[in-house]
Amino acid sequence: MKLICTPLSKKAMSLLDVDACPSTLLERLLLTNSEYLQLEKSGLFNIINTSLIKNIDDYEDEYIVAHKELEQMLKILKKHSLPENPKLLEKLISINELALDKETGVFFYF
Protein backbone atom coordinates (compact mmCIF):
# COMPACT_ATOMS: atom_id res chain seq x y z
CA MET A 1 0.00 0.00 0.00
CA LYS A 2 1.24 3.47 -0.90
CA LEU A 3 0.50 6.52 1.25
CA ILE A 4 0.14 10.22 0.52
CA CYS A 5 -0.55 12.33 3.59
CA THR A 6 -0.74 15.83 4.99
CA PRO A 7 -0.04 16.63 8.64
CA LEU A 8 -2.84 18.65 10.22
CA SER A 9 -0.46 20.92 12.17
CA LYS A 10 3.17 21.96 12.34
CA LYS A 11 3.55 19.80 15.47
CA ALA A 12 2.20 16.80 13.54
CA MET A 13 4.70 17.56 10.78
CA SER A 14 7.59 17.50 13.24
CA LEU A 15 6.31 14.20 14.67
CA LEU A 16 6.12 12.80 11.15
CA ASP A 17 9.82 13.66 10.72
CA VAL A 18 10.69 11.23 13.52
CA ASP A 19 8.07 8.64 12.54
CA ALA A 20 6.02 9.35 15.67
CA CYS A 21 2.93 11.04 14.23
CA PRO A 22 -0.36 9.33 15.10
CA SER A 23 -2.69 8.78 12.16
CA THR A 24 -5.30 11.01 13.85
CA LEU A 25 -3.04 14.00 13.13
CA LEU A 26 -2.83 13.21 9.42
CA GLU A 27 -5.11 13.45 6.44
CA ARG A 28 -4.25 10.21 4.68
CA LEU A 29 -4.77 8.91 1.18
CA LEU A 30 -3.95 5.21 0.96
CA LEU A 31 -3.43 4.19 -2.65
CA THR A 32 -4.11 0.73 -3.93
CA ASN A 33 -1.60 -0.65 -6.42
CA SER A 34 -4.11 0.05 -9.16
CA GLU A 35 -4.54 3.69 -8.11
CA TYR A 36 -0.79 4.16 -7.88
CA LEU A 37 -0.37 2.76 -11.41
CA GLN A 38 -3.12 5.06 -12.72
CA LEU A 39 -1.28 8.08 -11.34
CA GLU A 40 2.08 6.85 -12.58
CA LYS A 41 0.84 6.02 -16.09
CA SER A 42 -0.93 9.38 -16.36
CA GLY A 43 2.46 11.11 -16.17
CA LEU A 44 1.44 13.16 -13.12
CA PHE A 45 4.45 12.17 -11.02
CA ASN A 46 6.83 12.95 -13.90
CA ILE A 47 5.32 16.42 -14.32
CA ILE A 48 5.61 17.15 -10.60
CA ASN A 49 9.13 15.72 -10.45
CA THR A 50 10.33 17.79 -13.40
CA SER A 51 8.62 21.00 -12.30
CA LEU A 52 9.63 20.83 -8.64
CA ILE A 53 12.88 18.85 -8.94
CA LYS A 54 11.52 16.00 -6.82
CA ASN A 55 11.72 12.20 -7.01
CA ILE A 56 8.21 10.84 -6.49
CA ASP A 57 8.66 7.26 -7.58
CA ASP A 58 8.15 3.66 -6.57
CA TYR A 59 10.23 2.73 -3.50
CA GLU A 60 10.91 6.41 -2.74
CA ASP A 61 9.79 8.75 0.01
CA GLU A 62 9.40 12.38 -0.97
CA TYR A 63 7.81 15.50 0.45
CA ILE A 64 6.72 18.93 -0.70
CA VAL A 65 6.61 21.51 2.08
CA ALA A 66 7.62 24.86 0.57
CA HIS A 67 4.57 27.10 0.09
CA LYS A 68 5.56 28.02 -3.48
CA GLU A 69 6.04 24.36 -4.39
CA LEU A 70 2.68 23.41 -2.88
CA GLU A 71 1.04 26.16 -4.92
CA GLN A 72 2.81 24.96 -8.06
CA MET A 73 1.80 21.36 -7.42
CA LEU A 74 -1.81 22.46 -6.92
CA LYS A 75 -1.76 24.19 -10.32
CA ILE A 76 -0.37 21.02 -11.89
CA LEU A 77 -3.04 18.87 -10.24
CA LYS A 78 -5.85 21.19 -11.35
CA LYS A 79 -4.61 21.16 -14.97
CA HIS A 80 -4.12 17.39 -15.04
CA SER A 81 -6.82 14.89 -15.90
CA LEU A 82 -7.34 11.35 -14.75
CA PRO A 83 -10.39 10.19 -16.74
CA GLU A 84 -10.32 6.66 -15.35
CA ASN A 85 -10.43 7.90 -11.75
CA PRO A 86 -11.37 11.59 -11.35
CA LYS A 87 -12.21 11.09 -7.65
CA LEU A 88 -8.60 10.11 -6.96
CA LEU A 89 -7.37 13.33 -8.51
CA GLU A 90 -9.95 15.27 -6.46
CA LYS A 91 -8.58 13.64 -3.29
CA LEU A 92 -5.03 14.66 -4.23
CA ILE A 93 -6.18 18.22 -4.84
CA SER A 94 -7.95 18.22 -1.47
CA ILE A 95 -4.82 17.00 0.33
CA ASN A 96 -2.73 19.67 -1.40
CA GLU A 97 -5.23 22.41 -0.49
CA LEU A 98 -5.27 21.19 3.11
CA ALA A 99 -1.45 21.36 3.25
CA LEU A 100 -1.58 24.96 2.03
CA ASP A 101 -4.30 25.83 4.54
CA LYS A 102 -2.48 24.20 7.48
CA GLU A 103 0.95 25.43 6.28
CA THR A 104 2.37 21.91 6.42
CA GLY A 105 3.19 19.72 3.41
CA VAL A 106 2.35 16.74 1.28
CA PHE A 107 4.33 13.57 1.99
CA PHE A 108 4.64 10.62 -0.38
CA TYR A 109 5.55 7.24 1.10
CA PHE A 110 5.98 4.75 -1.71
C-alpha atoms as a PDB file:
ATOM      1  CA  MET A   1       0.000   0.000   0.000  1.00  0.00           C
ATOM      2  CA  LYS A   2       1.237   3.469  -0.898  1.00  0.00           C
ATOM      3  CA  LEU A   3       0.499   6.521   1.254  1.00  0.00           C
ATOM      4  CA  ILE A   4       0.144  10.224   0.518  1.00  0.00           C
ATOM      5  CA  CYS A   5      -0.546  12.327   3.587  1.00  0.00           C
ATOM      6  CA  THR A   6      -0.737  15.832   4.986  1.00  0.00           C
ATOM      7  CA  PRO A   7      -0.038  16.633   8.638  1.00  0.00           C
ATOM      8  CA  LEU A   8      -2.842  18.650  10.223  1.00  0.00           C
ATOM      9  CA  SER A   9      -0.463  20.917  12.167  1.00  0.00           C
ATOM     10  CA  LYS A  10       3.173  21.958  12.342  1.00  0.00           C
ATOM     11  CA  LYS A  11       3.548  19.797  15.466  1.00  0.00           C
ATOM     12  CA  ALA A  12       2.203  16.804  13.538  1.00  0.00           C
ATOM     13  CA  MET A  13       4.705  17.558  10.784  1.00  0.00           C
ATOM     14  CA  SER A  14       7.592  17.505  13.240  1.00  0.00           C
ATOM     15  CA  LEU A  15       6.312  14.204  14.675  1.00  0.00           C
ATOM     16  CA  LEU A  16       6.123  12.804  11.151  1.00  0.00           C
ATOM     17  CA  ASP A  17       9.818  13.659  10.719  1.00  0.00           C
ATOM     18  CA  VAL A  18      10.688  11.233  13.524  1.00  0.00           C
ATOM     19  CA  ASP A  19       8.065   8.640  12.542  1.00  0.00           C
ATOM     20  CA  ALA A  20       6.017   9.353  15.674  1.00  0.00           C
ATOM     21  CA  CYS A  21       2.930  11.044  14.232  1.00  0.00           C
ATOM     22  CA  PRO A  22      -0.360   9.332  15.100  1.00  0.00           C
ATOM     23  CA  SER A  23      -2.686   8.785  12.163  1.00  0.00           C
ATOM     24  CA  THR A  24      -5.297  11.007  13.849  1.00  0.00           C
ATOM     25  CA  LEU A  25      -3.037  14.005  13.133  1.00  0.00           C
ATOM     26  CA  LEU A  26      -2.828  13.214   9.417  1.00  0.00           C
ATOM     27  CA  GLU A  27      -5.105  13.447   6.438  1.00  0.00           C
ATOM     28  CA  ARG A  28      -4.246  10.214   4.679  1.00  0.00           C
ATOM     29  CA  LEU A  29      -4.768   8.906   1.176  1.00  0.00           C
ATOM     30  CA  LEU A  30      -3.953   5.207   0.958  1.00  0.00           C
ATOM     31  CA  LEU A  31      -3.427   4.192  -2.654  1.00  0.00           C
ATOM     32  CA  THR A  32      -4.111   0.727  -3.932  1.00  0.00           C
ATOM     33  CA  ASN A  33      -1.597  -0.652  -6.415  1.00  0.00           C
ATOM     34  CA  SER A  34      -4.113   0.049  -9.163  1.00  0.00           C
ATOM     35  CA  GLU A  35      -4.543   3.691  -8.115  1.00  0.00           C
ATOM     36  CA  TYR A  36      -0.787   4.160  -7.884  1.00  0.00           C
ATOM     37  CA  LEU A  37      -0.366   2.755 -11.408  1.00  0.00           C
ATOM     38  CA  GLN A  38      -3.120   5.057 -12.716  1.00  0.00           C
ATOM     39  CA  LEU A  39      -1.277   8.085 -11.338  1.00  0.00           C
ATOM     40  CA  GLU A  40       2.083   6.853 -12.578  1.00  0.00           C
ATOM     41  CA  LYS A  41       0.837   6.022 -16.091  1.00  0.00           C
ATOM     42  CA  SER A  42      -0.927   9.382 -16.358  1.00  0.00           C
ATOM     43  CA  GLY A  43       2.462  11.113 -16.166  1.00  0.00           C
ATOM     44  CA  LEU A  44       1.442  13.156 -13.123  1.00  0.00           C
ATOM     45  CA  PHE A  45       4.450  12.175 -11.024  1.00  0.00           C
ATOM     46  CA  ASN A  46       6.827  12.949 -13.898  1.00  0.00           C
ATOM     47  CA  ILE A  47       5.321  16.417 -14.320  1.00  0.00           C
ATOM     48  CA  ILE A  48       5.607  17.148 -10.599  1.00  0.00           C
ATOM     49  CA  ASN A  49       9.132  15.724 -10.446  1.00  0.00           C
ATOM     50  CA  THR A  50      10.331  17.788 -13.395  1.00  0.00           C
ATOM     51  CA  SER A  51       8.617  21.002 -12.302  1.00  0.00           C
ATOM     52  CA  LEU A  52       9.632  20.828  -8.636  1.00  0.00           C
ATOM     53  CA  ILE A  53      12.877  18.848  -8.943  1.00  0.00           C
ATOM     54  CA  LYS A  54      11.520  15.996  -6.821  1.00  0.00           C
ATOM     55  CA  ASN A  55      11.716  12.205  -7.006  1.00  0.00           C
ATOM     56  CA  ILE A  56       8.214  10.843  -6.491  1.00  0.00           C
ATOM     57  CA  ASP A  57       8.664   7.260  -7.584  1.00  0.00           C
ATOM     58  CA  ASP A  58       8.152   3.657  -6.566  1.00  0.00           C
ATOM     59  CA  TYR A  59      10.225   2.727  -3.498  1.00  0.00           C
ATOM     60  CA  GLU A  60      10.909   6.409  -2.739  1.00  0.00           C
ATOM     61  CA  ASP A  61       9.786   8.745   0.012  1.00  0.00           C
ATOM     62  CA  GLU A  62       9.402  12.384  -0.967  1.00  0.00           C
ATOM     63  CA  TYR A  63       7.805  15.499   0.447  1.00  0.00           C
ATOM     64  CA  ILE A  64       6.721  18.927  -0.696  1.00  0.00           C
ATOM     65  CA  VAL A  65       6.610  21.513   2.081  1.00  0.00           C
ATOM     66  CA  ALA A  66       7.619  24.863   0.569  1.00  0.00           C
ATOM     67  CA  HIS A  67       4.568  27.096   0.095  1.00  0.00           C
ATOM     68  CA  LYS A  68       5.562  28.015  -3.477  1.00  0.00           C
ATOM     69  CA  GLU A  69       6.039  24.358  -4.388  1.00  0.00           C
ATOM     70  CA  LEU A  70       2.682  23.411  -2.875  1.00  0.00           C
ATOM     71  CA  GLU A  71       1.035  26.158  -4.923  1.00  0.00           C
ATOM     72  CA  GLN A  72       2.809  24.963  -8.058  1.00  0.00           C
ATOM     73  CA  MET A  73       1.801  21.360  -7.418  1.00  0.00           C
ATOM     74  CA  LEU A  74      -1.815  22.461  -6.921  1.00  0.00           C
ATOM     75  CA  LYS A  75      -1.758  24.189 -10.316  1.00  0.00           C
ATOM     76  CA  ILE A  76      -0.366  21.017 -11.892  1.00  0.00           C
ATOM     77  CA  LEU A  77      -3.041  18.865 -10.244  1.00  0.00           C
ATOM     78  CA  LYS A  78      -5.847  21.185 -11.346  1.00  0.00           C
ATOM     79  CA  LYS A  79      -4.611  21.156 -14.965  1.00  0.00           C
ATOM     80  CA  HIS A  80      -4.119  17.388 -15.044  1.00  0.00           C
ATOM     81  CA  SER A  81      -6.823  14.892 -15.901  1.00  0.00           C
ATOM     82  CA  LEU A  82      -7.342  11.351 -14.751  1.00  0.00           C
ATOM     83  CA  PRO A  83     -10.388  10.193 -16.741  1.00  0.00           C
ATOM     84  CA  GLU A  84     -10.319   6.657 -15.349  1.00  0.00           C
ATOM     85  CA  ASN A  85     -10.432   7.896 -11.747  1.00  0.00           C
ATOM     86  CA  PRO A  86     -11.365  11.588 -11.354  1.00  0.00           C
ATOM     87  CA  LYS A  87     -12.205  11.092  -7.654  1.00  0.00           C
ATOM     88  CA  LEU A  88      -8.604  10.109  -6.963  1.00  0.00           C
ATOM     89  CA  LEU A  89      -7.371  13.333  -8.511  1.00  0.00           C
ATOM     90  CA  GLU A  90      -9.954  15.269  -6.457  1.00  0.00           C
ATOM     91  CA  LYS A  91      -8.577  13.637  -3.288  1.00  0.00           C
ATOM     92  CA  LEU A  92      -5.026  14.664  -4.231  1.00  0.00           C
ATOM     93  CA  ILE A  93      -6.180  18.220  -4.843  1.00  0.00           C
ATOM     94  CA  SER A  94      -7.946  18.219  -1.474  1.00  0.00           C
ATOM     95  CA  ILE A  95      -4.818  17.004   0.334  1.00  0.00           C
ATOM     96  CA  ASN A  96      -2.733  19.669  -1.396  1.00  0.00           C
ATOM     97  CA  GLU A  97      -5.231  22.413  -0.486  1.00  0.00           C
ATOM     98  CA  LEU A  98      -5.270  21.193   3.111  1.00  0.00           C
ATOM     99  CA  ALA A  99      -1.455  21.361   3.252  1.00  0.00           C
ATOM    100  CA  LEU A 100      -1.583  24.964   2.026  1.00  0.00           C
ATOM    101  CA  ASP A 101      -4.297  25.829   4.542  1.00  0.00           C
ATOM    102  CA  LYS A 102      -2.476  24.195   7.481  1.00  0.00           C
ATOM    103  CA  GLU A 103       0.946  25.427   6.284  1.00  0.00           C
ATOM    104  CA  THR A 104       2.366  21.910   6.417  1.00  0.00           C
ATOM    105  CA  GLY A 105       3.188  19.721   3.412  1.00  0.00           C
ATOM    106  CA  VAL A 106       2.348  16.736   1.282  1.00  0.00           C
ATOM    107  CA  PHE A 107       4.328  13.570   1.990  1.00  0.00           C
ATOM    108  CA  PHE A 108       4.637  10.623  -0.382  1.00  0.00           C
ATOM    109  CA  TYR A 109       5.548   7.237   1.103  1.00  0.00           C
ATOM    110  CA  PHE A 110       5.978   4.752  -1.715  1.00  0.00           C
END
